[in-house]
Each structure stands twice: as structure tokens, then as C-alpha cells.
C-alpha atoms as a PDB file:
ATOM      1  CA  MET A   1      -8.582   2.917  11.824  1.00  0.00           C
ATOM      2  CA  PHE A   2      -8.695   1.832   8.210  1.00  0.00           C
ATOM      3  CA  ALA A   3      -5.898   1.000   5.817  1.00  0.00           C
ATOM      4  CA  ILE A   4      -6.105   0.339   2.103  1.00  0.00           C
ATOM      5  CA  VAL A   5      -3.347  -2.034   1.093  1.00  0.00           C
ATOM      6  CA  SER A   6      -2.113  -2.939  -2.350  1.00  0.00           C
ATOM      7  CA  GLY A   7       0.810  -4.777  -3.825  1.00  0.00           C
ATOM      8  CA  GLY A   8       2.939  -1.701  -4.306  1.00  0.00           C
ATOM      9  CA  GLY A   9       5.708   0.235  -2.591  1.00  0.00           C
ATOM     10  CA  HIS A  10       5.518   1.846   0.819  1.00  0.00           C
ATOM     11  CA  SER A  11       6.422   5.447   1.534  1.00  0.00           C
ATOM     12  CA  GLY A  12       7.384   6.995   4.843  1.00  0.00           C
ATOM     13  CA  ALA A  13       4.921   9.194   6.693  1.00  0.00           C
ATOM     14  CA  ALA A  14       5.367  12.888   7.210  1.00  0.00           C
ATOM     15  CA  GLY A  15       7.696  13.654  10.077  1.00  0.00           C
ATOM     16  CA  HIS A  16       9.874  10.595   9.470  1.00  0.00           C
ATOM     17  CA  SER A  17      13.077   9.906   7.640  1.00  0.00           C
ATOM     18  CA  THR A  18      13.100   6.555   5.874  1.00  0.00           C
ATOM     19  CA  VAL A  19      16.469   5.078   4.956  1.00  0.00           C
ATOM     20  CA  PRO A  20      16.754   1.623   3.371  1.00  0.00           C
ATOM     21  CA  GLY A  21      17.898  -0.879   5.974  1.00  0.00           C
ATOM     22  CA  ARG A  22      17.160   1.403   8.911  1.00  0.00           C
ATOM     23  CA  PRO A  23      14.057   1.988  11.002  1.00  0.00           C
ATOM     24  CA  PRO A  24      12.146   5.244  10.440  1.00  0.00           C
ATOM     25  CA  LEU A  25      13.408   8.152  12.525  1.00  0.00           C
ATOM     26  CA  ALA A  26      10.636   9.948  14.377  1.00  0.00           C
ATOM     27  CA  THR A  27      10.697  13.726  14.627  1.00  0.00           C
ATOM     28  CA  GLY A  28       7.381  14.065  16.471  1.00  0.00           C
ATOM     29  CA  PRO A  29       6.529  13.475  20.126  1.00  0.00           C
ATOM     30  CA  PHE A  30       4.240  10.520  19.509  1.00  0.00           C
ATOM     31  CA  LEU A  31       6.739   7.660  19.820  1.00  0.00           C
ATOM     32  CA  THR A  32       6.867   7.287  23.581  1.00  0.00           C
ATOM     33  CA  ALA A  33       7.462   3.571  24.182  1.00  0.00           C
ATOM     34  CA  ALA A  34      10.524   1.477  23.515  1.00  0.00           C
ATOM     35  CA  CYS A  35      10.636  -0.500  20.300  1.00  0.00           C
ATOM     36  CA  VAL A  36       9.802  -4.167  20.897  1.00  0.00           C
ATOM     37  CA  SER A  37      11.041  -5.633  17.615  1.00  0.00           C
ATOM     38  CA  HIS A  38      11.305  -4.658  13.975  1.00  0.00           C
ATOM     39  CA  GLU A  39      10.085  -8.102  12.913  1.00  0.00           C
ATOM     40  CA  THR A  40       6.667  -7.969  11.250  1.00  0.00           C
ATOM     41  CA  THR A  41       5.563 -11.358  12.622  1.00  0.00           C
ATOM     42  CA  THR A  42       5.726 -13.128  15.957  1.00  0.00           C
ATOM     43  CA  ASP A  43       5.279 -16.749  16.990  1.00  0.00           C
ATOM     44  CA  GLY A  44       3.652 -15.669  20.260  1.00  0.00           C
ATOM     45  CA  ARG A  45       0.119 -16.074  21.546  1.00  0.00           C
ATOM     46  CA  PRO A  46      -2.369 -13.163  21.424  1.00  0.00           C
ATOM     47  CA  SER A  47      -4.137 -11.844  24.487  1.00  0.00           C
ATOM     48  CA  GLN A  48      -6.928 -13.763  26.156  1.00  0.00           C
ATOM     49  CA  SER A  49      -9.243 -10.796  25.569  1.00  0.00           C
ATOM     50  CA  LEU A  50      -9.183 -11.539  21.831  1.00  0.00           C
ATOM     51  CA  LEU A  51      -9.073 -15.329  22.077  1.00  0.00           C
ATOM     52  CA  SER A  52     -12.021 -15.430  24.465  1.00  0.00           C
ATOM     53  CA  ILE A  53     -14.459 -13.693  22.075  1.00  0.00           C
ATOM     54  CA  LEU A  54     -13.228 -14.928  18.671  1.00  0.00           C
ATOM     55  CA  GLY A  55     -13.732 -18.662  18.320  1.00  0.00           C
ATOM     56  CA  VAL A  56     -12.186 -18.682  14.856  1.00  0.00           C
ATOM     57  CA  LEU A  57      -8.818 -17.963  16.485  1.00  0.00           C
ATOM     58  CA  ARG A  58      -9.186 -20.843  18.947  1.00  0.00           C
ATOM     59  CA  ILE A  59      -9.659 -23.436  16.204  1.00  0.00           C
ATOM     60  CA  PRO A  60      -6.307 -25.035  15.273  1.00  0.00           C
ATOM     61  CA  ALA A  61      -4.920 -23.833  11.963  1.00  0.00           C
ATOM     62  CA  THR A  62      -5.329 -26.020   8.891  1.00  0.00           C
ATOM     63  CA  PRO A  63      -3.588 -25.893   5.503  1.00  0.00           C
ATOM     64  CA  ALA A  64      -6.614 -23.949   4.226  1.00  0.00           C
ATOM     65  CA  ASP A  65      -5.669 -21.062   6.524  1.00  0.00           C
ATOM     66  CA  THR A  66      -2.316 -20.578   4.796  1.00  0.00           C
ATOM     67  CA  PRO A  67      -2.504 -17.772   2.211  1.00  0.00           C
ATOM     68  CA  SER A  68      -0.399 -17.737  -0.907  1.00  0.00           C
ATOM     69  CA  PRO A  69       3.149 -16.392  -0.364  1.00  0.00           C
ATOM     70  CA  GLN A  70       2.199 -13.199  -2.197  1.00  0.00           C
ATOM     71  CA  ILE A  71      -0.848 -12.546  -0.029  1.00  0.00           C
ATOM     72  CA  GLU A  72       0.965 -13.524   3.167  1.00  0.00           C
ATOM     73  CA  ALA A  73       3.734 -11.049   2.354  1.00  0.00           C
ATOM     74  CA  ALA A  74       1.146  -8.316   1.822  1.00  0.00           C
ATOM     75  CA  LEU A  75      -0.766  -9.148   5.002  1.00  0.00           C
ATOM     76  CA  THR A  76       2.371  -9.073   7.130  1.00  0.00           C
ATOM     77  CA  ARG A  77       3.937  -6.054   5.447  1.00  0.00           C
ATOM     78  CA  ASN A  78       2.177  -3.885   8.006  1.00  0.00           C
ATOM     79  CA  PRO A  79       0.588  -1.010   6.069  1.00  0.00           C
ATOM     80  CA  ILE A  80       0.642   1.475   8.960  1.00  0.00           C
ATOM     81  CA  GLY A  81       3.878   0.525  10.692  1.00  0.00           C
ATOM     82  CA  GLY A  82       4.612  -0.434  14.260  1.00  0.00           C
ATOM     83  CA  SER A  83       2.941  -3.817  14.745  1.00  0.00           C
ATOM     84  CA  GLN A  84       3.546  -7.544  14.454  1.00  0.00           C
ATOM     85  CA  VAL A  85       1.220 -10.242  13.140  1.00  0.00           C
ATOM     86  CA  PHE A  86       0.678 -13.297  15.346  1.00  0.00           C
ATOM     87  CA  ILE A  87       1.474 -15.483  12.380  1.00  0.00           C
ATOM     88  CA  ASN A  88       0.313 -18.758  14.005  1.00  0.00           C
ATOM     89  CA  TYR A  89      -3.140 -17.220  14.481  1.00  0.00           C
ATOM     90  CA  LEU A  90      -3.718 -16.019  10.927  1.00  0.00           C
ATOM     91  CA  ARG A  91      -7.038 -17.553   9.895  1.00  0.00           C
ATOM     92  CA  ARG A  92      -8.977 -17.714   6.662  1.00  0.00           C
ATOM     93  CA  ALA A  93     -12.204 -16.807   8.416  1.00  0.00           C
ATOM     94  CA  ARG A  94     -14.606 -16.724   5.504  1.00  0.00           C
ATOM     95  CA  VAL A  95     -14.822 -17.264   1.741  1.00  0.00           C
ATOM     96  CA  THR A  96     -17.551 -15.688  -0.394  1.00  0.00           C
ATOM     97  CA  PRO A  97     -18.069 -15.855  -4.161  1.00  0.00           C
ATOM     98  CA  THR A  98     -16.190 -12.547  -4.526  1.00  0.00           C
ATOM     99  CA  SER A  99     -13.661 -12.412  -1.660  1.00  0.00           C
ATOM    100  CA  THR A 100     -11.590 -14.264   0.903  1.00  0.00           C
ATOM    101  CA  TYR A 101     -11.488 -12.836   4.429  1.00  0.00           C
ATOM    102  CA  TYR A 102      -8.517 -13.248   6.750  1.00  0.00           C
ATOM    103  CA  LEU A 103      -8.519 -12.485  10.467  1.00  0.00           C
ATOM    104  CA  TYR A 104      -5.217 -12.034  12.299  1.00  0.00           C
ATOM    105  CA  PRO A 105      -4.223 -10.541  15.653  1.00  0.00           C
ATOM    106  CA  VAL A 106      -1.442  -7.977  15.842  1.00  0.00           C
ATOM    107  CA  ARG A 107       0.458  -6.312  18.646  1.00  0.00           C
ATOM    108  CA  ALA A 108       1.940  -2.832  18.719  1.00  0.00           C
ATOM    109  CA  THR A 109       5.737  -2.640  18.691  1.00  0.00           C
ATOM    110  CA  ASN A 110       6.312   1.141  18.494  1.00  0.00           C
ATOM    111  CA  CYS A 111       8.925   0.450  15.828  1.00  0.00           C
ATOM    112  CA  GLY A 112       7.190   2.036  12.848  1.00  0.00           C
ATOM    113  CA  GLN A 113       5.382   5.155  11.823  1.00  0.00           C
ATOM    114  CA  LEU A 114       2.674   5.159  14.469  1.00  0.00           C
ATOM    115  CA  ALA A 115       2.877   4.573  18.179  1.00  0.00           C
ATOM    116  CA  GLY A 116       0.413   2.254  19.820  1.00  0.00           C
ATOM    117  CA  SER A 117      -0.135  -0.132  22.670  1.00  0.00           C
ATOM    118  CA  GLY A 118      -1.807  -3.446  23.323  1.00  0.00           C
ATOM    119  CA  GLU A 119      -3.163  -5.962  20.855  1.00  0.00           C
ATOM    120  CA  SER A 120      -5.878  -5.765  18.234  1.00  0.00           C
ATOM    121  CA  ILE A 121      -7.365  -7.694  15.340  1.00  0.00           C
ATOM    122  CA  ILE A 122      -7.329  -7.036  11.599  1.00  0.00           C
ATOM    123  CA  LEU A 123      -9.876  -8.215   9.039  1.00  0.00           C
ATOM    124  CA  SER A 124      -8.583  -8.220   5.469  1.00  0.00           C
ATOM    125  CA  ASP A 125     -10.883  -8.589   2.478  1.00  0.00           C
ATOM    126  CA  VAL A 126      -8.978 -10.030  -0.492  1.00  0.00           C
ATOM    127  CA  PRO A 127     -11.246  -9.677  -3.548  1.00  0.00           C
ATOM    128  CA  LYS A 128     -11.057 -12.265  -6.308  1.00  0.00           C
ATOM    129  CA  GLY A 129      -9.878 -11.065  -9.685  1.00  0.00           C
ATOM    130  CA  CYS A 130     -10.178  -7.303  -9.208  1.00  0.00           C
ATOM    131  CA  GLY A 131      -6.721  -6.181  -8.110  1.00  0.00           C
ATOM    132  CA  PRO A 132      -4.720  -3.515  -9.962  1.00  0.00           C
ATOM    133  CA  PRO A 133      -3.066  -4.796 -13.145  1.00  0.00           C
ATOM    134  CA  GLY A 134       0.321  -6.328 -12.480  1.00  0.00           C
ATOM    135  CA  THR A 135      -0.031  -6.725  -8.709  1.00  0.00           C
ATOM    136  CA  GLY A 136      -2.523  -9.515  -8.159  1.00  0.00           C
ATOM    137  CA  VAL A 137      -2.979  -8.352  -4.547  1.00  0.00           C
ATOM    138  CA  ALA A 138      -5.358  -5.598  -3.584  1.00  0.00           C
ATOM    139  CA  PHE A 139      -7.450  -5.590  -0.480  1.00  0.00           C
ATOM    140  CA  SER A 140      -8.996  -3.418   2.169  1.00  0.00           C
ATOM    141  CA  SER A 141      -8.421  -3.919   5.858  1.00  0.00           C
ATOM    142  CA  ILE A 142     -10.091  -2.872   9.048  1.00  0.00           C
ATOM    143  CA  GLY A 143      -7.449  -2.818  11.741  1.00  0.00           C
ATOM    144  CA  GLY A 144      -6.605  -1.545  15.190  1.00  0.00           C
ATOM    145  CA  ILE A 145      -9.791  -3.142  16.584  1.00  0.00           C
ATOM    146  CA  SER A 146      -9.635  -4.194  20.217  1.00  0.00           C
ATOM    147  CA  ALA A 147     -11.809  -6.809  21.885  1.00  0.00           C
ATOM    148  CA  ALA A 148     -13.761  -4.020  23.598  1.00  0.00           C
ATOM    149  CA  ALA A 149     -14.394  -2.276  20.270  1.00  0.00           C
ATOM    150  CA  ILE A 150     -15.675  -5.503  18.723  1.00  0.00           C
ATOM    151  CA  GLU A 151     -18.109  -6.038  21.585  1.00  0.00           C
ATOM    152  CA  ALA A 152     -19.247  -2.415  21.232  1.00  0.00           C
ATOM    153  CA  GLY A 153     -20.162  -2.956  17.564  1.00  0.00           C
ATOM    154  CA  HIS A 154     -17.391  -0.770  16.137  1.00  0.00           C
ATOM    155  CA  ALA A 155     -15.686  -3.381  13.938  1.00  0.00           C
ATOM    156  CA  LEU A 156     -17.409  -2.665  10.633  1.00  0.00           C
ATOM    157  CA  GLU A 157     -15.916  -1.713   7.288  1.00  0.00           C
ATOM    158  CA  TYR A 158     -17.925   0.083   4.618  1.00  0.00           C
ATOM    159  CA  GLY A 159     -17.270  -0.196   0.909  1.00  0.00           C
ATOM    160  CA  GLY A 160     -14.833  -3.098   0.737  1.00  0.00           C
ATOM    161  CA  GLY A 161     -14.698  -5.645  -2.054  1.00  0.00           C
ATOM    162  CA  CYS A 162     -14.642  -4.710  -5.709  1.00  0.00           C
ATOM    163  CA  SER A 163     -18.263  -4.034  -6.599  1.00  0.00           C
ATOM    164  CA  ARG A 164     -18.735  -1.750  -9.582  1.00  0.00           C
ATOM    165  CA  SER A 165     -22.334  -0.880  -8.654  1.00  0.00           C
ATOM    166  CA  LEU A 166     -23.175   2.739  -7.841  1.00  0.00           C
ATOM    167  CA  ASP A 167     -26.322   1.788  -5.947  1.00  0.00           C
ATOM    168  CA  THR A 168     -24.933  -0.831  -3.567  1.00  0.00           C
ATOM    169  CA  SER A 169     -21.878  -1.337  -1.401  1.00  0.00           C
ATOM    170  CA  LEU A 170     -20.367  -3.966   0.827  1.00  0.00           C
ATOM    171  CA  VAL A 171     -20.387  -3.939   4.611  1.00  0.00           C
ATOM    172  CA  SER A 172     -18.161  -6.420   6.418  1.00  0.00           C
ATOM    173  CA  GLY A 173     -16.981  -6.723   9.970  1.00  0.00           C
ATOM    174  CA  ILE A 174     -16.075  -8.721  13.044  1.00  0.00           C
ATOM    175  CA  VAL A 175     -18.522  -9.856  15.731  1.00  0.00           C
ATOM    176  CA  PRO A 176     -17.963 -11.836  18.936  1.00  0.00           C
ATOM    177  CA  ASP A 177     -18.861 -15.448  19.596  1.00  0.00           C
ATOM    178  CA  GLY A 178     -22.563 -16.182  19.910  1.00  0.00           C
ATOM    179  CA  VAL A 179     -23.677 -13.738  17.221  1.00  0.00           C
ATOM    180  CA  ALA A 180     -25.284 -15.751  14.414  1.00  0.00           C
ATOM    181  CA  THR A 181     -26.896 -12.964  12.373  1.00  0.00           C
ATOM    182  CA  VAL A 182     -26.502  -9.212  11.998  1.00  0.00           C
ATOM    183  CA  THR A 183     -29.318  -6.910  10.863  1.00  0.00           C
ATOM    184  CA  LEU A 184     -28.764  -3.345   9.666  1.00  0.00           C
ATOM    185  CA  ASN A 185     -31.754  -1.028   9.266  1.00  0.00           C
ATOM    186  CA  TYR A 186     -31.511   1.893   6.859  1.00  0.00           C
ATOM    187  CA  PRO A 187     -33.891   4.856   6.558  1.00  0.00           C
ATOM    188  CA  ALA A 188     -35.297   6.011   3.262  1.00  0.00           C
ATOM    189  CA  GLY A 189     -33.068   8.506   1.518  1.00  0.00           C
ATOM    190  CA  ARG A 190     -30.300   9.025  -0.999  1.00  0.00           C
ATOM    191  CA  VAL A 191     -28.440   5.965  -2.169  1.00  0.00           C
ATOM    192  CA  GLY A 192     -25.221   7.959  -1.855  1.00  0.00           C
ATOM    193  CA  GLY A 193     -21.798   7.574  -3.394  1.00  0.00           C
ATOM    194  CA  TYR A 194     -21.822   8.581  -7.065  1.00  0.00           C
ATOM    195  CA  SER A 195     -25.500   7.697  -7.437  1.00  0.00           C
ATOM    196  CA  HIS A 196     -28.163  10.414  -7.318  1.00  0.00           C
ATOM    197  CA  LYS A 197     -31.000   7.942  -6.786  1.00  0.00           C
ATOM    198  CA  THR A 198     -33.101   7.577  -3.672  1.00  0.00           C
ATOM    199  CA  ALA A 199     -34.088   4.320  -2.018  1.00  0.00           C
ATOM    200  CA  PRO A 200     -36.826   3.229   0.388  1.00  0.00           C
ATOM    201  CA  ALA A 201     -36.131   2.131   3.939  1.00  0.00           C
ATOM    202  CA  ALA A 202     -34.429  -1.259   4.055  1.00  0.00           C
ATOM    203  CA  SER A 203     -33.578  -3.984   6.564  1.00  0.00           C
ATOM    204  CA  ILE A 204     -30.716  -6.319   5.647  1.00  0.00           C
ATOM    205  CA  THR A 205     -29.858  -9.458   7.610  1.00  0.00           C
ATOM    206  CA  ALA A 206     -26.753 -11.573   7.031  1.00  0.00           C
ATOM    207  CA  ASP A 207     -25.329 -14.715   8.600  1.00  0.00           C
ATOM    208  CA  VAL A 208     -22.060 -14.743  10.515  1.00  0.00           C
ATOM    209  CA  VAL A 209     -19.325 -17.203   9.511  1.00  0.00           C
ATOM    210  CA  GLY A 210     -16.014 -17.420  11.348  1.00  0.00           C
ATOM    211  CA  ASN A 211     -16.832 -14.309  13.423  1.00  0.00           C
ATOM    212  CA  VAL A 212     -17.148 -12.370  10.134  1.00  0.00           C
ATOM    213  CA  VAL A 213     -20.315 -10.816   8.724  1.00  0.00           C
ATOM    214  CA  VAL A 214     -20.577  -9.738   5.076  1.00  0.00           C
ATOM    215  CA  MET A 215     -23.594  -8.085   3.451  1.00  0.00           C
ATOM    216  CA  THR A 216     -24.424  -6.110   0.334  1.00  0.00           C
ATOM    217  CA  ILE A 217     -26.547  -3.087   1.167  1.00  0.00           C
ATOM    218  CA  PRO A 218     -28.689  -0.847  -1.081  1.00  0.00           C
ATOM    219  CA  ARG A 219     -26.572   2.215  -0.364  1.00  0.00           C
ATOM    220  CA  GLY A 220     -23.483   3.529  -2.126  1.00  0.00           C
ATOM    221  CA  GLY A 221     -20.217   4.902  -0.819  1.00  0.00           C
ATOM    222  CA  GLY A 222     -20.226   6.440   2.631  1.00  0.00           C
ATOM    223  CA  ASN A 223     -23.995   6.045   2.964  1.00  0.00           C
ATOM    224  CA  GLY A 224     -23.325   2.511   4.093  1.00  0.00           C
ATOM    225  CA  ARG A 225     -22.720   4.114   7.480  1.00  0.00           C
ATOM    226  CA  SER A 226     -26.197   5.618   7.611  1.00  0.00           C
ATOM    227  CA  TRP A 227     -27.935   2.711   9.347  1.00  0.00           C
ATOM    228  CA  THR A 228     -30.222   3.619  12.239  1.00  0.00           C
ATOM    229  CA  THR A 229     -29.971   0.373  14.217  1.00  0.00           C
ATOM    230  CA  MET A 230     -27.810  -2.742  14.181  1.00  0.00           C
ATOM    231  CA  THR A 231     -29.111  -5.900  15.860  1.00  0.00           C
ATOM    232  CA  TRP A 232     -27.150  -8.996  16.829  1.00  0.00           C
ATOM    233  CA  ARG A 233     -29.095 -12.254  17.213  1.00  0.00           C
ATOM    234  CA  ALA A 234     -28.204 -15.721  18.434  1.00  0.00           C
ATOM    235  CA  ALA A 235     -28.764 -18.893  16.410  1.00  0.00           C
ATOM    236  CA  ASN A 236     -32.184 -19.367  18.035  1.00  0.00           C
ATOM    237  CA  GLY A 237     -33.283 -15.870  16.996  1.00  0.00           C
ATOM    238  CA  THR A 238     -32.900 -14.310  20.427  1.00  0.00           C
ATOM    239  CA  THR A 239     -31.741 -10.702  20.349  1.00  0.00           C
ATOM    240  CA  ILE A 240     -28.296 -10.357  21.920  1.00  0.00           C
ATOM    241  CA  LYS A 241     -27.836  -6.612  21.521  1.00  0.00           C
ATOM    242  CA  THR A 242     -29.208  -3.690  19.533  1.00  0.00           C
ATOM    243  CA  PHE A 243     -27.046  -0.678  18.746  1.00  0.00           C
ATOM    244  CA  PRO A 244     -28.665   2.696  17.991  1.00  0.00           C
END
């Protein structure tokens, strides 16, 4: 589940009536559980399933983990509705020359536009200096990711950041403790996106920092998903898992 978030307004989803000061009214059959709370943050503790595989969440927060008020408001605004951020576990997981990455657990509340259950993690990529004019906040998020999905290699986002290149794109994602490097292997073929070029087969390896991997790949747009294998390795080079 992906959400693109920007510093703008928020509109109600189809099948809902949105009235200022009131929760959305569902007209579909998908809201089946009672609403937990309309608050967008909670001071609680996330599930052990997330804490046990994401060491970055177990490290006590420092002042560096606190985003600016503008970014914090955007991160906790809840772009898809119906969840709360565990605000005491919001972590600045990684900083690159072009972006800052925040990891934060959320829990479903069934109070918004989409029903859900359980807890999950969100990775938000906040690019530096490339937001829409006048907002200052523009980022892409990969959300709704459970501990099981992370361990299965499903927590990757394709095309984040603010690269203007047609021939490359950014891949970022969440990996469990113990994974030191991630390697993606791509077959020869079209670069993809808006580029009509072709590229040879490529193998890209990137280090993991704060349970977050970030790599620039020689593929554009949706072709970032066209890898044939992904390999996780430990710090000593031992292969942990390979995904076909």
C-alpha cells in the first residue's frame, strides 16, 4: 500500500461524507470494527513483532529524531485515514545527501476512510529541496507493512526521492535486523519510465542503515520492479536470504 503525501489539503474518499469537525461517514460495508480513537497519535508501545525485528525502534529517541513541526504534522496527518502514529517511536532512520528517512509504527483505528487491523510500519522519504512551491513538505511513503511482510521482502518502494533522471530511479525499503547489505539483480532490457533506452544486465548492492536500504538503480519508472533476484547478506558477507 503506497501513499503519496504532500503539504496540501485532504479530500474525502468516494463513499464517504466529510463534514468539518466530524468523522467521515461510511456508506460501504468495509468498516466493520469499532473506532478506537480519532486521535492521529498515541503514546503507546507498538507490538513486539515490529520491535523484535527493527532495532532502530528499540534505540531510545534522541533530539535528532524529532522532525520539524511542519514535517511532524504531515507525517501524523495520516494520508489514508484510520490509523495512529506511535509518536514516541518515530525515528529518523537514515539521512542521505538527497533525503531524510523516517520510520514510525502505526496502528489501525477504523476511524477513517479505510478499515484495517493490527499494527504496521511506515517509511517516509522526505527529499531535500524538491517539494512543491509554497509547501516545503513533499514526500513519498510506503505504509501498511507488517513485520511478516518485511521479513518476506515486500517492504520496498520504487521511484521515491526527487531525481530528475529518466534513466535511473530510487529504490528504498525496510529490512529486518541482521541484514547489512541488499543486492538487486536486473536483466538486460528497456530502462523504462519515459526513457526509450536499453541497458545491460546490472547488479546493485547497497548498505543498510537504521533498517533502511536506499539505492539508485539504472532503470526508470516502474522498471525498478523488474529485478530478478534480491539477496540479503549479513555484515560478514554470509547470505541470509535470496528472493526470486
